[in-house]
Protein backbone atom coordinates (compact mmCIF):
# COMPACT_ATOMS: atom_id res chain seq x y z
CA MET A 1 37.43 -92.96 -80.24
CA THR A 2 35.86 -96.40 -79.90
CA ARG A 3 34.82 -97.82 -76.57
CA ASP A 4 35.49 -101.36 -75.43
CA TRP A 5 31.93 -102.39 -74.57
CA SER A 6 33.03 -105.95 -73.90
CA LYS A 7 34.36 -104.88 -70.49
CA LYS A 8 30.86 -103.84 -69.36
CA ASP A 9 28.81 -106.31 -67.35
CA ASP A 10 25.64 -107.86 -68.77
CA GLY A 11 23.36 -105.43 -66.92
CA GLU A 12 25.11 -102.39 -68.38
CA ILE A 13 24.99 -103.87 -71.88
CA ILE A 14 21.27 -104.62 -71.49
CA GLU A 15 20.59 -101.03 -70.41
CA MET A 16 22.39 -99.75 -73.52
CA VAL A 17 20.54 -102.20 -75.80
CA LEU A 18 17.22 -101.10 -74.32
CA ALA A 19 18.27 -97.46 -74.79
CA GLY A 20 18.59 -98.11 -78.52
CA ASP A 21 22.11 -99.39 -79.11
CA THR A 22 20.85 -102.76 -80.36
CA GLU A 23 24.18 -103.69 -81.96
CA LEU A 24 25.55 -104.33 -78.46
CA TYR A 25 23.25 -107.35 -78.13
CA GLY A 26 25.93 -109.18 -80.12
CA ILE A 27 28.22 -108.95 -77.08
CA LEU A 28 25.64 -110.82 -75.00
CA ILE A 29 25.30 -113.43 -77.72
CA GLU A 30 29.06 -113.90 -77.84
CA ARG A 31 29.33 -114.19 -74.05
CA HIS A 32 26.55 -116.74 -73.66
CA ARG A 33 26.64 -118.65 -76.96
CA ASP A 34 28.50 -121.70 -75.63
CA HIS A 35 26.21 -122.06 -72.62
CA VAL A 36 23.05 -121.82 -74.74
CA MET A 37 24.48 -124.28 -77.28
CA LYS A 38 25.23 -126.79 -74.50
CA ILE A 39 21.65 -126.52 -73.30
CA ALA A 40 20.30 -127.06 -76.82
CA MET A 41 22.71 -129.93 -77.58
CA LYS A 42 21.51 -131.80 -74.48
CA ARG A 43 17.85 -131.47 -75.36
CA VAL A 44 17.35 -131.62 -79.12
CA PRO A 45 18.94 -133.54 -82.00
CA LEU A 46 22.42 -132.17 -82.71
CA ASP A 47 21.48 -130.96 -86.18
CA GLU A 48 18.74 -128.80 -84.61
CA ALA A 49 20.81 -127.38 -81.72
CA GLY A 50 22.14 -124.35 -83.63
CA ASP A 51 18.66 -123.32 -84.73
CA LEU A 52 17.32 -123.73 -81.20
CA ALA A 53 20.17 -121.67 -79.74
CA HIS A 54 19.41 -118.95 -82.29
CA GLU A 55 15.72 -119.12 -81.38
CA ALA A 56 16.60 -118.71 -77.68
CA PHE A 57 18.60 -115.55 -78.42
CA VAL A 58 15.79 -114.14 -80.57
CA ARG A 59 13.27 -114.82 -77.80
CA ALA A 60 15.58 -113.28 -75.21
CA TYR A 61 16.00 -110.16 -77.34
CA SER A 62 12.23 -109.83 -77.75
CA SER A 63 11.74 -110.28 -74.01
CA LEU A 64 14.64 -108.06 -72.94
CA PRO A 65 12.34 -105.24 -71.75
CA ARG A 66 10.82 -107.73 -69.27
CA TYR A 67 14.19 -108.85 -67.89
CA GLY A 68 14.15 -107.47 -64.39
CA GLY A 69 17.71 -108.23 -63.39
CA LYS A 70 16.56 -110.28 -60.38
CA SER A 71 18.76 -113.15 -61.51
CA PRO A 72 21.92 -113.12 -63.62
CA PHE A 73 21.26 -112.68 -67.33
CA GLY A 74 22.86 -116.08 -68.05
CA ASN A 75 20.34 -117.83 -65.78
CA TRP A 76 17.42 -115.95 -67.34
CA LEU A 77 18.70 -116.84 -70.80
CA ALA A 78 19.11 -120.51 -69.79
CA VAL A 79 15.43 -120.66 -68.82
CA ILE A 80 14.50 -119.24 -72.22
CA ALA A 81 16.74 -121.80 -73.95
CA VAL A 82 15.20 -124.72 -72.02
CA ARG A 83 11.72 -123.47 -72.87
CA ALA A 84 12.64 -123.13 -76.56
CA CYS A 85 13.77 -126.77 -76.53
CA HIS A 86 10.58 -127.74 -74.72
CA ASP A 87 8.56 -125.97 -77.44
CA TYR A 88 10.55 -127.83 -80.11
CA TRP A 89 9.46 -131.18 -78.66
CA ARG A 90 5.89 -129.95 -78.15
CA GLU A 91 5.70 -129.07 -81.86
CA ARG A 92 7.20 -132.43 -82.91
CA TYR A 93 4.83 -134.24 -80.59
CA ARG A 94 1.85 -132.39 -82.08
CA SER A 95 2.89 -132.97 -85.68
CA ARG A 96 4.11 -136.53 -85.03
CA GLU A 97 7.04 -136.08 -87.37
CA THR A 98 9.02 -138.21 -84.98
CA SER A 99 9.80 -141.62 -86.39
CA MET A 100 7.73 -144.17 -84.55
CA ASN A 101 9.81 -147.16 -85.56
CA GLU A 102 10.05 -149.83 -82.93
CA LEU A 103 13.28 -150.66 -81.19
CA GLY A 104 15.71 -152.75 -83.15
CA GLU A 105 16.53 -156.30 -82.09
CA GLU A 106 19.89 -155.21 -80.67
CA HIS A 107 18.20 -152.69 -78.38
CA VAL A 108 15.51 -155.13 -77.27
CA ARG A 109 18.22 -157.71 -76.44
CA TRP A 110 20.12 -155.08 -74.49
CA LEU A 111 16.97 -154.12 -72.55
CA GLU A 112 16.18 -157.77 -71.79
CA ASN A 113 19.74 -158.44 -70.63
CA THR A 114 19.82 -155.35 -68.48
CA ALA A 115 16.44 -156.12 -66.94
CA SER A 116 17.46 -159.69 -66.14
CA GLU A 117 20.86 -159.00 -64.59
CA GLU A 118 20.77 -160.41 -61.08
CA SER A 119 23.26 -157.95 -59.65
CA GLY A 120 21.41 -154.96 -61.07
CA LEU A 121 24.72 -153.44 -62.13
CA MET A 122 24.89 -152.33 -65.72
CA ASP A 123 27.73 -153.31 -67.96
CA ARG A 124 29.90 -150.19 -68.28
CA SER A 125 31.20 -151.02 -71.73
CA MET A 126 31.07 -148.40 -74.46
CA GLU A 127 28.54 -150.42 -76.46
CA SER A 128 26.29 -150.75 -73.44
CA ARG A 129 26.36 -146.98 -72.87
CA ARG A 130 25.62 -146.37 -76.54
CA ASN A 131 22.68 -148.78 -76.41
CA ALA A 132 21.39 -147.13 -73.24
CA ALA A 133 21.58 -143.68 -74.83
CA GLU A 134 19.78 -144.85 -77.97
CA VAL A 135 17.05 -146.64 -76.01
CA LEU A 136 16.58 -143.59 -73.79
CA ALA A 137 16.37 -141.30 -76.83
CA TRP A 138 13.82 -143.67 -78.40
CA ALA A 139 11.70 -143.65 -75.25
CA LEU A 140 11.93 -139.89 -74.70
CA GLU A 141 10.74 -139.25 -78.26
CA ARG A 142 7.53 -141.07 -77.42
CA MET A 143 6.78 -139.03 -74.31
CA SER A 144 4.85 -135.79 -74.19
CA PRO A 145 6.99 -132.64 -74.21
CA GLU A 146 6.07 -131.92 -70.58
CA ASP A 147 7.01 -135.42 -69.44
CA ARG A 148 10.24 -135.25 -71.42
CA ALA A 149 11.18 -131.84 -70.00
CA VAL A 150 10.62 -132.79 -66.36
CA LEU A 151 12.46 -136.11 -66.80
CA GLU A 152 15.45 -134.39 -68.36
CA LEU A 153 15.66 -131.70 -65.69
CA VAL A 154 14.93 -133.73 -62.54
CA HIS A 155 16.18 -137.22 -63.34
CA LEU A 156 18.81 -136.85 -66.06
CA GLU A 157 20.37 -133.53 -65.08
CA GLU A 158 19.60 -134.09 -61.39
CA ARG A 159 18.33 -130.57 -60.81
CA SER A 160 16.30 -129.90 -57.70
CA VAL A 161 12.52 -129.93 -58.02
CA ARG A 162 12.50 -126.24 -57.09
CA GLU A 163 14.98 -125.38 -59.84
CA ALA A 164 13.06 -127.47 -62.40
CA SER A 165 9.80 -125.80 -61.38
CA GLU A 166 11.34 -122.36 -61.93
CA ILE A 167 12.65 -123.34 -65.36
CA LEU A 168 9.36 -124.90 -66.43
CA GLY A 169 7.19 -122.21 -64.87
CA TRP A 170 5.30 -124.77 -62.78
CA SER A 171 4.57 -124.95 -59.07
CA VAL A 172 6.84 -127.14 -56.93
CA PRO A 173 4.03 -129.64 -56.14
CA LYS A 174 3.10 -129.94 -59.83
CA THR A 175 6.75 -130.54 -60.70
CA LYS A 176 7.11 -133.25 -58.01
CA VAL A 177 3.98 -135.05 -59.15
CA ARG A 178 4.85 -134.71 -62.84
CA ALA A 179 8.41 -135.99 -62.25
CA PHE A 180 7.09 -139.05 -60.39
CA ARG A 181 4.43 -139.81 -63.00
CA SER A 182 6.79 -139.23 -65.91
CA ARG A 183 9.33 -141.64 -64.48
CA LYS A 184 6.60 -144.28 -64.13
CA LYS A 185 5.50 -143.67 -67.74
CA LEU A 186 9.09 -144.06 -68.92
CA ARG A 187 9.45 -147.32 -66.98
CA ARG A 188 6.19 -148.69 -68.45
CA LEU A 189 7.30 -147.68 -71.94
CA LEU A 190 10.62 -149.47 -71.55
CA GLU A 191 9.00 -152.52 -70.01
CA GLY A 192 6.50 -152.61 -72.89
CA ALA A 193 9.34 -152.54 -75.40
CA ILE A 194 10.72 -155.84 -74.11
CA GLY A 195 7.39 -157.48 -74.21
């Protein structure tokens, strides 16, 4: 007689995995795969997202004995996934494998036009959004992993400072200060790109 373990909640599955039935970890992976992939796809190049999602699940499995159940498993796993992405950028920043090419003429023109618009309203065309995304990606690649992480969480995903501090493992004051300083660094970087 086989049991349908998929009807068990995450906590019950975790207890069984910790008791030695490690095959059941696959149920947790299946349940949370899409959420972890979305986190990775937002934070790393798309061709790296699968590897980062896998890394998050490996880290979670290794840390499972320390999961206290104080928060839902999905939230705990999300923090691990964000930190794995943060570590990815930290490693790239250290090794400087990131292409340091300057912005193309099209992007510089777009930045100049956007900066000089009197109304301050951005053109909502598809090309303008594409240019904005590419310029933002260019700028974020030049920022430290810590600056990048806090910018993504607080300013791009609009998470609260408290939530970002929990994800990053920082104090709330440090997160506030870092978010403010990182935004200023990003602004200076973009202003420097247009001359």
